[in-house]
PDB file of N, CA and C in Angstrom:
ATOM      1  N   UNK A   1     -19.135   8.509  -8.856  1.00  0.00           N
ATOM      2  CA  UNK A   1     -17.849   7.894  -8.628  1.00  0.00           C
ATOM      3  C   UNK A   1     -17.546   6.952  -9.797  1.00  0.00           C
ATOM      4  N   UNK A   2     -16.347   7.054 -10.395  1.00  0.00           N
ATOM      5  CA  UNK A   2     -15.991   6.159 -11.491  1.00  0.00           C
ATOM      6  C   UNK A   2     -15.989   4.696 -11.054  1.00  0.00           C
ATOM      7  N   UNK A   3     -16.354   3.840 -11.986  1.00  0.00           N
ATOM      8  CA  UNK A   3     -16.468   2.427 -11.671  1.00  0.00           C
ATOM      9  C   UNK A   3     -15.129   1.817 -11.255  1.00  0.00           C
ATOM     10  N   UNK A   4     -14.034   2.198 -11.916  1.00  0.00           N
ATOM     11  CA  UNK A   4     -12.742   1.606 -11.585  1.00  0.00           C
ATOM     12  C   UNK A   4     -12.296   1.974 -10.168  1.00  0.00           C
ATOM     13  N   UNK A   5     -12.705   3.158  -9.699  1.00  0.00           N
ATOM     14  CA  UNK A   5     -12.352   3.564  -8.347  1.00  0.00           C
ATOM     15  C   UNK A   5     -13.113   2.736  -7.313  1.00  0.00           C
ATOM     16  N   UNK A   6     -14.393   2.451  -7.591  1.00  0.00           N
ATOM     17  CA  UNK A   6     -15.162   1.637  -6.648  1.00  0.00           C
ATOM     18  C   UNK A   6     -14.647   0.193  -6.626  1.00  0.00           C
ATOM     19  N   UNK A   7     -14.152  -0.305  -7.751  1.00  0.00           N
ATOM     20  CA  UNK A   7     -13.586  -1.652  -7.799  1.00  0.00           C
ATOM     21  C   UNK A   7     -12.311  -1.694  -6.957  1.00  0.00           C
ATOM     22  N   UNK A   8     -11.467  -0.665  -7.074  1.00  0.00           N
ATOM     23  CA  UNK A   8     -10.238  -0.604  -6.282  1.00  0.00           C
ATOM     24  C   UNK A   8     -10.560  -0.520  -4.797  1.00  0.00           C
ATOM     25  N   UNK A   9     -11.577   0.265  -4.446  1.00  0.00           N
ATOM     26  CA  UNK A   9     -11.964   0.380  -3.041  1.00  0.00           C
ATOM     27  C   UNK A   9     -12.463  -0.948  -2.499  1.00  0.00           C
ATOM     28  N   UNK A  10     -13.202  -1.686  -3.305  1.00  0.00           N
ATOM     29  CA  UNK A  10     -13.680  -2.998  -2.866  1.00  0.00           C
ATOM     30  C   UNK A  10     -12.503  -3.951  -2.655  1.00  0.00           C
ATOM     31  N   UNK A  11     -11.523  -3.902  -3.537  1.00  0.00           N
ATOM     32  CA  UNK A  11     -10.333  -4.742  -3.372  1.00  0.00           C
ATOM     33  C   UNK A  11      -9.607  -4.416  -2.072  1.00  0.00           C
ATOM     34  N   UNK A  12      -9.475  -3.129  -1.779  1.00  0.00           N
ATOM     35  CA  UNK A  12      -8.810  -2.717  -0.536  1.00  0.00           C
ATOM     36  C   UNK A  12      -9.609  -3.220   0.665  1.00  0.00           C
ATOM     37  N   UNK A  13     -10.918  -3.091   0.602  1.00  0.00           N
ATOM     38  CA  UNK A  13     -11.767  -3.547   1.703  1.00  0.00           C
ATOM     39  C   UNK A  13     -11.657  -5.062   1.899  1.00  0.00           C
ATOM     40  N   UNK A  14     -11.591  -5.802   0.803  1.00  0.00           N
ATOM     41  CA  UNK A  14     -11.486  -7.263   0.887  1.00  0.00           C
ATOM     42  C   UNK A  14     -10.151  -7.715   1.484  1.00  0.00           C
ATOM     43  N   UNK A  15      -9.097  -6.935   1.293  1.00  0.00           N
ATOM     44  CA  UNK A  15      -7.760  -7.318   1.755  1.00  0.00           C
ATOM     45  C   UNK A  15      -7.302  -6.527   2.978  1.00  0.00           C
ATOM     46  N   UNK A  16      -8.220  -5.886   3.661  1.00  0.00           N
ATOM     47  CA  UNK A  16      -7.870  -5.039   4.796  1.00  0.00           C
ATOM     48  C   UNK A  16      -7.203  -5.816   5.924  1.00  0.00           C
ATOM     49  N   UNK A  17      -7.704  -7.002   6.235  1.00  0.00           N
ATOM     50  CA  UNK A  17      -7.100  -7.814   7.310  1.00  0.00           C
ATOM     51  C   UNK A  17      -5.668  -8.230   6.956  1.00  0.00           C
ATOM     52  N   UNK A  18      -5.439  -8.574   5.702  1.00  0.00           N
ATOM     53  CA  UNK A  18      -4.087  -8.949   5.275  1.00  0.00           C
ATOM     54  C   UNK A  18      -3.147  -7.750   5.383  1.00  0.00           C
ATOM     55  N   UNK A  19      -3.635  -6.568   5.054  1.00  0.00           N
ATOM     56  CA  UNK A  19      -2.817  -5.362   5.178  1.00  0.00           C
ATOM     57  C   UNK A  19      -2.483  -5.073   6.636  1.00  0.00           C
ATOM     58  N   UNK A  20      -3.469  -5.273   7.519  1.00  0.00           N
ATOM     59  CA  UNK A  20      -3.220  -5.060   8.948  1.00  0.00           C
ATOM     60  C   UNK A  20      -2.170  -6.044   9.468  1.00  0.00           C
ATOM     61  N   UNK A  21      -2.240  -7.276   9.031  1.00  0.00           N
ATOM     62  CA  UNK A  21      -1.249  -8.271   9.423  1.00  0.00           C
ATOM     63  C   UNK A  21       0.131  -7.884   8.903  1.00  0.00           C
ATOM     64  N   UNK A  22       0.183  -7.448   7.673  1.00  0.00           N
ATOM     65  CA  UNK A  22       1.450  -7.064   7.056  1.00  0.00           C
ATOM     66  C   UNK A  22       2.081  -5.864   7.755  1.00  0.00           C
ATOM     67  N   UNK A  23       1.260  -5.000   8.315  1.00  0.00           N
ATOM     68  CA  UNK A  23       1.772  -3.808   8.997  1.00  0.00           C
ATOM     69  C   UNK A  23       2.432  -4.146  10.333  1.00  0.00           C
ATOM     70  N   UNK A  24       2.090  -5.299  10.913  1.00  0.00           N
ATOM     71  CA  UNK A  24       2.559  -5.613  12.261  1.00  0.00           C
ATOM     72  C   UNK A  24       3.559  -6.764  12.339  1.00  0.00           C
ATOM     73  N   UNK A  25       4.030  -7.234  11.200  1.00  0.00           N
ATOM     74  CA  UNK A  25       5.015  -8.309  11.242  1.00  0.00           C
ATOM     75  C   UNK A  25       6.393  -7.752  10.901  1.00  0.00           C
ATOM     76  N   UNK A  26       7.402  -8.550  11.098  1.00  0.00           N
ATOM     77  CA  UNK A  26       8.770  -8.116  10.839  1.00  0.00           C
ATOM     78  C   UNK A  26       9.071  -7.975   9.352  1.00  0.00           C
ATOM     79  N   UNK A  27      10.133  -7.250   9.031  1.00  0.00           N
ATOM     80  CA  UNK A  27      10.487  -7.005   7.630  1.00  0.00           C
ATOM     81  C   UNK A  27      10.791  -8.276   6.834  1.00  0.00           C
ATOM     82  N   UNK A  28      11.441  -9.254   7.443  1.00  0.00           N
ATOM     83  CA  UNK A  28      11.770 -10.478   6.709  1.00  0.00           C
ATOM     84  C   UNK A  28      10.512 -11.263   6.358  1.00  0.00           C
ATOM     85  N   UNK A  29       9.583 -11.357   7.299  1.00  0.00           N
ATOM     86  CA  UNK A  29       8.340 -12.067   7.023  1.00  0.00           C
ATOM     87  C   UNK A  29       7.502 -11.322   5.988  1.00  0.00           C
ATOM     88  N   UNK A  30       7.514 -10.003   6.062  1.00  0.00           N
ATOM     89  CA  UNK A  30       6.774  -9.209   5.085  1.00  0.00           C
ATOM     90  C   UNK A  30       7.309  -9.430   3.683  1.00  0.00           C
ATOM     91  N   UNK A  31       8.611  -9.517   3.565  1.00  0.00           N
ATOM     92  CA  UNK A  31       9.240  -9.751   2.268  1.00  0.00           C
ATOM     93  C   UNK A  31       8.844 -11.113   1.702  1.00  0.00           C
ATOM     94  N   UNK A  32       8.785 -12.125   2.564  1.00  0.00           N
ATOM     95  CA  UNK A  32       8.382 -13.469   2.133  1.00  0.00           C
ATOM     96  C   UNK A  32       6.921 -13.461   1.691  1.00  0.00           C
ATOM     97  N   UNK A  33       6.071 -12.787   2.452  1.00  0.00           N
ATOM     98  CA  UNK A  33       4.651 -12.735   2.099  1.00  0.00           C
ATOM     99  C   UNK A  33       4.446 -12.036   0.762  1.00  0.00           C
ATOM    100  N   UNK A  34       5.131 -10.927   0.554  1.00  0.00           N
ATOM    101  CA  UNK A  34       4.988 -10.201  -0.701  1.00  0.00           C
ATOM    102  C   UNK A  34       5.496 -11.018  -1.881  1.00  0.00           C
ATOM    103  N   UNK A  35       6.593 -11.711  -1.695  1.00  0.00           N
ATOM    104  CA  UNK A  35       7.143 -12.490  -2.810  1.00  0.00           C
ATOM    105  C   UNK A  35       6.248 -13.669  -3.179  1.00  0.00           C
ATOM    106  N   UNK A  36       5.409 -14.120  -2.261  1.00  0.00           N
ATOM    107  CA  UNK A  36       4.495 -15.238  -2.531  1.00  0.00           C
ATOM    108  C   UNK A  36       3.043 -14.809  -2.677  1.00  0.00           C
ATOM    109  N   UNK A  37       2.782 -13.530  -2.724  1.00  0.00           N
ATOM    110  CA  UNK A  37       1.400 -13.050  -2.751  1.00  0.00           C
ATOM    111  C   UNK A  37       0.813 -13.084  -4.159  1.00  0.00           C
ATOM    112  N   UNK A  38      -0.508 -13.232  -4.259  1.00  0.00           N
ATOM    113  CA  UNK A  38      -1.159 -13.233  -5.574  1.00  0.00           C
ATOM    114  C   UNK A  38      -1.199 -11.821  -6.171  1.00  0.00           C
ATOM    115  N   UNK A  39      -1.501 -11.756  -7.449  1.00  0.00           N
ATOM    116  CA  UNK A  39      -1.521 -10.473  -8.154  1.00  0.00           C
ATOM    117  C   UNK A  39      -2.571  -9.518  -7.602  1.00  0.00           C
ATOM    118  N   UNK A  40      -3.691 -10.030  -7.110  1.00  0.00           N
ATOM    119  CA  UNK A  40      -4.744  -9.162  -6.556  1.00  0.00           C
ATOM    120  C   UNK A  40      -4.243  -8.397  -5.335  1.00  0.00           C
ATOM    121  N   UNK A  41      -3.448  -9.041  -4.507  1.00  0.00           N
ATOM    122  CA  UNK A  41      -2.919  -8.378  -3.322  1.00  0.00           C
ATOM    123  C   UNK A  41      -1.920  -7.290  -3.718  1.00  0.00           C
ATOM    124  N   UNK A  42      -1.119  -7.559  -4.738  1.00  0.00           N
ATOM    125  CA  UNK A  42      -0.200  -6.539  -5.237  1.00  0.00           C
ATOM    126  C   UNK A  42      -0.961  -5.363  -5.833  1.00  0.00           C
ATOM    127  N   UNK A  43      -2.104  -5.657  -6.443  1.00  0.00           N
ATOM    128  CA  UNK A  43      -2.942  -4.589  -6.984  1.00  0.00           C
ATOM    129  C   UNK A  43      -3.494  -3.700  -5.860  1.00  0.00           C
ATOM    130  N   UNK A  44      -3.792  -4.304  -4.719  1.00  0.00           N
ATOM    131  CA  UNK A  44      -4.253  -3.537  -3.561  1.00  0.00           C
ATOM    132  C   UNK A  44      -3.152  -2.598  -3.068  1.00  0.00           C
ATOM    133  N   UNK A  45      -1.935  -3.104  -2.988  1.00  0.00           N
ATOM    134  CA  UNK A  45      -0.804  -2.281  -2.551  1.00  0.00           C
ATOM    135  C   UNK A  45      -0.583  -1.137  -3.528  1.00  0.00           C
ATOM    136  N   UNK A  46      -0.681  -1.435  -4.814  1.00  0.00           N
ATOM    137  CA  UNK A  46      -0.532  -0.402  -5.842  1.00  0.00           C
ATOM    138  C   UNK A  46      -1.660   0.631  -5.745  1.00  0.00           C
ATOM    139  N   UNK A  47      -2.881   0.170  -5.474  1.00  0.00           N
ATOM    140  CA  UNK A  47      -4.015   1.082  -5.333  1.00  0.00           C
ATOM    141  C   UNK A  47      -3.828   2.024  -4.147  1.00  0.00           C
ATOM    142  N   UNK A  48      -3.326   1.504  -3.038  1.00  0.00           N
ATOM    143  CA  UNK A  48      -3.070   2.363  -1.877  1.00  0.00           C
ATOM    144  C   UNK A  48      -2.053   3.450  -2.212  1.00  0.00           C
ATOM    145  N   UNK A  49      -1.014   3.072  -2.937  1.00  0.00           N
ATOM    146  CA  UNK A  49      -0.011   4.066  -3.337  1.00  0.00           C
ATOM    147  C   UNK A  49      -0.636   5.123  -4.244  1.00  0.00           C
ATOM    148  N   UNK A  50      -1.510   4.705  -5.152  1.00  0.00           N
ATOM    149  CA  UNK A  50      -2.180   5.659  -6.028  1.00  0.00           C
ATOM    150  C   UNK A  50      -3.136   6.553  -5.248  1.00  0.00           C
ATOM    151  N   UNK A  51      -3.833   5.984  -4.266  1.00  0.00           N
ATOM    152  CA  UNK A  51      -4.740   6.782  -3.437  1.00  0.00           C
ATOM    153  C   UNK A  51      -3.987   7.862  -2.672  1.00  0.00           C
ATOM    154  N   UNK A  52      -2.789   7.536  -2.207  1.00  0.00           N
ATOM    155  CA  UNK A  52      -1.978   8.522  -1.489  1.00  0.00           C
ATOM    156  C   UNK A  52      -1.566   9.645  -2.433  1.00  0.00           C
ATOM    157  N   UNK A  53      -1.128   9.276  -3.623  1.00  0.00           N
ATOM    158  CA  UNK A  53      -0.622  10.276  -4.557  1.00  0.00           C
ATOM    159  C   UNK A  53      -1.708  11.172  -5.138  1.00  0.00           C
ATOM    160  N   UNK A  54      -2.889  10.614  -5.401  1.00  0.00           N
ATOM    161  CA  UNK A  54      -3.926  11.449  -6.011  1.00  0.00           C
ATOM    162  C   UNK A  54      -4.833  12.136  -4.998  1.00  0.00           C
ATOM    163  N   UNK A  55      -4.583  11.930  -3.715  1.00  0.00           N
ATOM    164  CA  UNK A  55      -5.329  12.646  -2.692  1.00  0.00           C
ATOM    165  C   UNK A  55      -6.628  11.997  -2.271  1.00  0.00           C
ATOM    166  N   UNK A  56      -6.886  10.774  -2.698  1.00  0.00           N
ATOM    167  CA  UNK A  56      -8.098  10.066  -2.289  1.00  0.00           C
ATOM    168  C   UNK A  56      -8.085   9.807  -0.786  1.00  0.00           C
ATOM    169  N   UNK A  57      -6.917   9.476  -0.257  1.00  0.00           N
ATOM    170  CA  UNK A  57      -6.756   9.332   1.186  1.00  0.00           C
ATOM    171  C   UNK A  57      -6.294  10.694   1.711  1.00  0.00           C
ATOM    172  N   UNK A  58      -7.124  11.351   2.503  1.00  0.00           N
ATOM    173  CA  UNK A  58      -6.735  12.677   3.004  1.00  0.00           C
ATOM    174  C   UNK A  58      -5.639  12.566   4.062  1.00  0.00           C
ATOM    175  N   UNK A  59      -4.536  13.239   3.822  1.00  0.00           N
ATOM    176  CA  UNK A  59      -3.395  13.185   4.726  1.00  0.00           C
ATOM    177  C   UNK A  59      -3.213  14.515   5.442  1.00  0.00           C
ATOM    178  N   UNK A  60      -2.898  14.430   6.721  1.00  0.00           N
ATOM    179  CA  UNK A  60      -2.572  15.626   7.489  1.00  0.00           C
ATOM    180  C   UNK A  60      -1.061  15.794   7.504  1.00  0.00           C
ATOM    181  N   UNK A  61      -0.589  16.896   8.068  1.00  0.00           N
ATOM    182  CA  UNK A  61       0.845  17.197   8.046  1.00  0.00           C
ATOM    183  C   UNK A  61       1.686  16.121   8.723  1.00  0.00           C
ATOM    184  N   UNK A  62       1.201  15.556   9.829  1.00  0.00           N
ATOM    185  CA  UNK A  62       1.999  14.527  10.502  1.00  0.00           C
ATOM    186  C   UNK A  62       2.071  13.244   9.674  1.00  0.00           C
ATOM    187  N   UNK A  63       1.004  12.928   8.912  1.00  0.00           N
ATOM    188  CA  UNK A  63       1.042  11.762   8.035  1.00  0.00           C
ATOM    189  C   UNK A  63       2.033  11.993   6.894  1.00  0.00           C
ATOM    190  N   UNK A  64       2.003  13.185   6.340  1.00  0.00           N
ATOM    191  CA  UNK A  64       2.909  13.515   5.238  1.00  0.00           C
ATOM    192  C   UNK A  64       4.359  13.428   5.701  1.00  0.00           C
ATOM    193  N   UNK A  65       4.609  13.887   6.910  1.00  0.00           N
ATOM    194  CA  UNK A  65       5.970  13.850   7.448  1.00  0.00           C
ATOM    195  C   UNK A  65       6.473  12.412   7.589  1.00  0.00           C
ATOM    196  N   UNK A  66       5.596  11.508   8.044  1.00  0.00           N
ATOM    197  CA  UNK A  66       5.993  10.109   8.191  1.00  0.00           C
ATOM    198  C   UNK A  66       6.254   9.439   6.847  1.00  0.00           C
ATOM    199  N   UNK A  67       5.481   9.831   5.837  1.00  0.00           N
ATOM    200  CA  UNK A  67       5.598   9.199   4.527  1.00  0.00           C
ATOM    201  C   UNK A  67       6.653   9.852   3.645  1.00  0.00           C
ATOM    202  N   UNK A  68       7.176  10.979   4.051  1.00  0.00           N
ATOM    203  CA  UNK A  68       8.084  11.776   3.231  1.00  0.00           C
ATOM    204  C   UNK A  68       9.301  10.983   2.745  1.00  0.00           C
ATOM    205  N   UNK A  69       9.925  10.218   3.624  1.00  0.00           N
ATOM    206  CA  UNK A  69      11.132   9.510   3.201  1.00  0.00           C
ATOM    207  C   UNK A  69      10.844   8.307   2.318  1.00  0.00           C
ATOM    208  N   UNK A  70       9.580   7.931   2.182  1.00  0.00           N
ATOM    209  CA  UNK A  70       9.191   6.819   1.317  1.00  0.00           C
ATOM    210  C   UNK A  70       8.555   7.292   0.018  1.00  0.00           C
ATOM    211  N   UNK A  71       8.650   8.589  -0.283  1.00  0.00           N
ATOM    212  CA  UNK A  71       7.912   9.128  -1.419  1.00  0.00           C
ATOM    213  C   UNK A  71       8.351   8.533  -2.757  1.00  0.00           C
ATOM    214  N   UNK A  72       9.627   8.262  -2.928  1.00  0.00           N
ATOM    215  CA  UNK A  72      10.099   7.679  -4.187  1.00  0.00           C
ATOM    216  C   UNK A  72       9.546   6.267  -4.351  1.00  0.00           C
ATOM    217  N   UNK A  73       9.559   5.482  -3.286  1.00  0.00           N
ATOM    218  CA  UNK A  73       9.034   4.124  -3.346  1.00  0.00           C
ATOM    219  C   UNK A  73       7.528   4.129  -3.583  1.00  0.00           C
ATOM    220  N   UNK A  74       6.808   5.040  -2.951  1.00  0.00           N
ATOM    221  CA  UNK A  74       5.361   5.124  -3.161  1.00  0.00           C
ATOM    222  C   UNK A  74       5.070   5.455  -4.621  1.00  0.00           C
ATOM    223  N   UNK A  75       5.826   6.365  -5.197  1.00  0.00           N
ATOM    224  CA  UNK A  75       5.650   6.710  -6.615  1.00  0.00           C
ATOM    225  C   UNK A  75       5.978   5.525  -7.516  1.00  0.00           C
ATOM    226  N   UNK A  76       7.063   4.814  -7.194  1.00  0.00           N
ATOM    227  CA  UNK A  76       7.450   3.652  -8.001  1.00  0.00           C
ATOM    228  C   UNK A  76       6.389   2.561  -7.945  1.00  0.00           C
ATOM    229  N   UNK A  77       5.831   2.332  -6.775  1.00  0.00           N
ATOM    230  CA  UNK A  77       4.788   1.311  -6.633  1.00  0.00           C
ATOM    231  C   UNK A  77       3.530   1.737  -7.382  1.00  0.00           C
ATOM    232  N   UNK A  78       3.167   3.000  -7.291  1.00  0.00           N
ATOM    233  CA  UNK A  78       1.952   3.485  -7.943  1.00  0.00           C
ATOM    234  C   UNK A  78       2.017   3.343  -9.462  1.00  0.00           C
ATOM    235  N   UNK A  79       3.191   3.517 -10.038  1.00  0.00           N
ATOM    236  CA  UNK A  79       3.281   3.433 -11.502  1.00  0.00           C
ATOM    237  C   UNK A  79       3.750   2.064 -12.001  1.00  0.00           C
ATOM    238  N   UNK A  80       4.031   1.133 -11.109  1.00  0.00           N
ATOM    239  CA  UNK A  80       4.473  -0.201 -11.528  1.00  0.00           C
ATOM    240  C   UNK A  80       3.275  -1.044 -11.956  1.00  0.00           C
ATOM    241  N   UNK A  81       3.553  -2.067 -12.719  1.00  0.00           N
ATOM    242  CA  UNK A  81       2.505  -2.969 -13.193  1.00  0.00           C
ATOM    243  C   UNK A  81       2.964  -4.417 -13.038  1.00  0.00           C
ATOM    244  N   UNK A  82       2.041  -5.283 -12.682  1.00  0.00           N
ATOM    245  CA  UNK A  82       2.286  -6.722 -12.643  1.00  0.00           C
ATOM    246  C   UNK A  82       3.415  -7.145 -11.734  1.00  0.00           C
ATOM    247  N   UNK A  83       4.287  -7.978 -12.258  1.00  0.00           N
ATOM    248  CA  UNK A  83       5.396  -8.519 -11.470  1.00  0.00           C
ATOM    249  C   UNK A  83       6.397  -7.434 -11.083  1.00  0.00           C
ATOM    250  N   UNK A  84       6.385  -6.331 -11.798  1.00  0.00           N
ATOM    251  CA  UNK A  84       7.284  -5.230 -11.470  1.00  0.00           C
ATOM    252  C   UNK A  84       6.982  -4.685 -10.072  1.00  0.00           C
ATOM    253  N   UNK A  85       5.723  -4.726  -9.648  1.00  0.00           N
ATOM    254  CA  UNK A  85       5.357  -4.282  -8.302  1.00  0.00           C
ATOM    255  C   UNK A  85       6.052  -5.141  -7.258  1.00  0.00           C
ATOM    256  N   UNK A  86       6.040  -6.437  -7.479  1.00  0.00           N
ATOM    257  CA  UNK A  86       6.690  -7.369  -6.547  1.00  0.00           C
ATOM    258  C   UNK A  86       8.188  -7.077  -6.477  1.00  0.00           C
ATOM    259  N   UNK A  87       8.786  -6.804  -7.618  1.00  0.00           N
ATOM    260  CA  UNK A  87      10.216  -6.515  -7.674  1.00  0.00           C
ATOM    261  C   UNK A  87      10.541  -5.219  -6.925  1.00  0.00           C
ATOM    262  N   UNK A  88       9.738  -4.183  -7.151  1.00  0.00           N
ATOM    263  CA  UNK A  88       9.975  -2.888  -6.504  1.00  0.00           C
ATOM    264  C   UNK A  88       9.866  -3.020  -4.993  1.00  0.00           C
ATOM    265  N   UNK A  89       8.845  -3.713  -4.519  1.00  0.00           N
ATOM    266  CA  UNK A  89       8.620  -3.857  -3.086  1.00  0.00           C
ATOM    267  C   UNK A  89       9.705  -4.713  -2.446  1.00  0.00           C
ATOM    268  N   UNK A  90      10.098  -5.785  -3.102  1.00  0.00           N
ATOM    269  CA  UNK A  90      11.117  -6.672  -2.541  1.00  0.00           C
ATOM    270  C   UNK A  90      12.494  -6.031  -2.492  1.00  0.00           C
ATOM    271  N   UNK A  91      12.795  -5.146  -3.416  1.00  0.00           N
ATOM    272  CA  UNK A  91      14.089  -4.474  -3.386  1.00  0.00           C
ATOM    273  C   UNK A  91      14.215  -3.569  -2.174  1.00  0.00           C
ATOM    274  N   UNK A  92      13.129  -2.909  -1.807  1.00  0.00           N
ATOM    275  CA  UNK A  92      13.164  -1.999  -0.658  1.00  0.00           C
ATOM    276  C   UNK A  92      13.160  -2.775   0.648  1.00  0.00           C
ATOM    277  N   UNK A  93      12.412  -3.856   0.685  1.00  0.00           N
ATOM    278  CA  UNK A  93      12.342  -4.636   1.913  1.00  0.00           C
ATOM    279  C   UNK A  93      11.028  -4.419   2.640  1.00  0.00           C
ATOM    280  N   UNK A  94      10.840  -5.159   3.701  1.00  0.00           N
ATOM    281  CA  UNK A  94       9.579  -5.139   4.421  1.00  0.00           C
ATOM    282  C   UNK A  94       9.425  -3.996   5.400  1.00  0.00           C
ATOM    283  N   UNK A  95      10.493  -3.288   5.712  1.00  0.00           N
ATOM    284  CA  UNK A  95      10.386  -2.190   6.677  1.00  0.00           C
ATOM    285  C   UNK A  95       9.496  -1.075   6.153  1.00  0.00           C
ATOM    286  N   UNK A  96       9.382  -0.987   4.858  1.00  0.00           N
ATOM    287  CA  UNK A  96       8.498  -0.011   4.222  1.00  0.00           C
ATOM    288  C   UNK A  96       7.061  -0.179   4.732  1.00  0.00           C
ATOM    289  N   UNK A  97       6.625  -1.417   4.880  1.00  0.00           N
ATOM    290  CA  UNK A  97       5.243  -1.665   5.277  1.00  0.00           C
ATOM    291  C   UNK A  97       4.950  -1.262   6.710  1.00  0.00           C
ATOM    292  N   UNK A  98       5.916  -1.426   7.586  1.00  0.00           N
ATOM    293  CA  UNK A  98       5.684  -1.016   8.975  1.00  0.00           C
ATOM    294  C   UNK A  98       5.348   0.461   9.056  1.00  0.00           C
ATOM    295  N   UNK A  99       6.085   1.287   8.368  1.00  0.00           N
ATOM    296  CA  UNK A  99       5.864   2.732   8.417  1.00  0.00           C
ATOM    297  C   UNK A  99       4.637   3.148   7.628  1.00  0.00           C
ATOM    298  N   UNK A 100       4.591   2.745   6.381  1.00  0.00           N
ATOM    299  CA  UNK A 100       3.533   3.231   5.492  1.00  0.00           C
ATOM    300  C   UNK A 100       2.171   2.686   5.883  1.00  0.00           C
ATOM    301  N   UNK A 101       2.076   1.392   6.113  1.00  0.00           N
ATOM    302  CA  UNK A 101       0.767   0.827   6.445  1.00  0.00           C
ATOM    303  C   UNK A 101       0.289   1.257   7.821  1.00  0.00           C
ATOM    304  N   UNK A 102       1.181   1.400   8.786  1.00  0.00           N
ATOM    305  CA  UNK A 102       0.733   1.861  10.092  1.00  0.00           C
ATOM    306  C   UNK A 102       0.234   3.307  10.019  1.00  0.00           C
ATOM    307  N   UNK A 103       0.714   4.071   9.054  1.00  0.00           N
ATOM    308  CA  UNK A 103       0.220   5.434   8.853  1.00  0.00           C
ATOM    309  C   UNK A 103      -1.096   5.438   8.093  1.00  0.00           C
ATOM    310  N   UNK A 104      -1.235   4.585   7.087  1.00  0.00           N
ATOM    311  CA  UNK A 104      -2.403   4.617   6.214  1.00  0.00           C
ATOM    312  C   UNK A 104      -3.601   3.813   6.719  1.00  0.00           C
ATOM    313  N   UNK A 105      -3.372   2.743   7.460  1.00  0.00           N
ATOM    314  CA  UNK A 105      -4.489   1.879   7.874  1.00  0.00           C
ATOM    315  C   UNK A 105      -5.581   2.610   8.651  1.00  0.00           C
ATOM    316  N   UNK A 106      -5.257   3.508   9.577  1.00  0.00           N
ATOM    317  CA  UNK A 106      -6.357   4.209  10.247  1.00  0.00           C
ATOM    318  C   UNK A 106      -7.141   5.144   9.324  1.00  0.00           C
ATOM    319  N   UNK A 107      -6.569   5.505   8.185  1.00  0.00           N
ATOM    320  CA  UNK A 107      -7.226   6.418   7.260  1.00  0.00           C
ATOM    321  C   UNK A 107      -8.059   5.704   6.202  1.00  0.00           C
ATOM    322  N   UNK A 108      -7.850   4.417   6.019  1.00  0.00           N
ATOM    323  CA  UNK A 108      -8.548   3.677   4.960  1.00  0.00           C
ATOM    324  C   UNK A 108     -10.069   3.664   5.153  1.00  0.00           C
ATOM    325  N   UNK A 109     -10.615   3.504   6.355  1.00  0.00           N
ATOM    326  CA  UNK A 109     -12.074   3.525   6.476  1.00  0.00           C
ATOM    327  C   UNK A 109     -12.728   4.815   5.983  1.00  0.00           C
ATOM    328  N   UNK A 110     -11.967   5.893   5.919  1.00  0.00           N
ATOM    329  CA  UNK A 110     -12.530   7.150   5.416  1.00  0.00           C
ATOM    330  C   UNK A 110     -12.860   7.079   3.930  1.00  0.00           C
ATOM    331  N   UNK A 111     -12.196   6.210   3.179  1.00  0.00           N
ATOM    332  CA  UNK A 111     -12.444   6.126   1.742  1.00  0.00           C
ATOM    333  C   UNK A 111     -13.351   4.963   1.362  1.00  0.00           C
ATOM    334  N   UNK A 112     -13.626   4.067   2.288  1.00  0.00           N
ATOM    335  CA  UNK A 112     -14.441   2.895   1.966  1.00  0.00           C
ATOM    336  C   UNK A 112     -15.909   3.145   2.085  1.00  0.00           C
TER     337      UNK A 112
END
């Protein structure tokens, strides 16, 4: 396993509770949290988007169907860097996290 992939997995594991919290709060609160979050947390969000796109997180047809309408945002987050990630996420709003994280959180232990 490449070293950078194991580092990303460790970051996701370290921020798993924060991701679970973000998945269950309202869109306005999620937007506030993201706008005030440190760069490491944004890197975790970006890593999750990359894991979805490169197939590290195995998705079934029902997961793909739920994520289908967010595919452009997932791609934008995966290729964004630094403060641009915060900008991309804040433009869409916090409702993105309710759908995407509630779909991905049960699958994350499979990659850790």
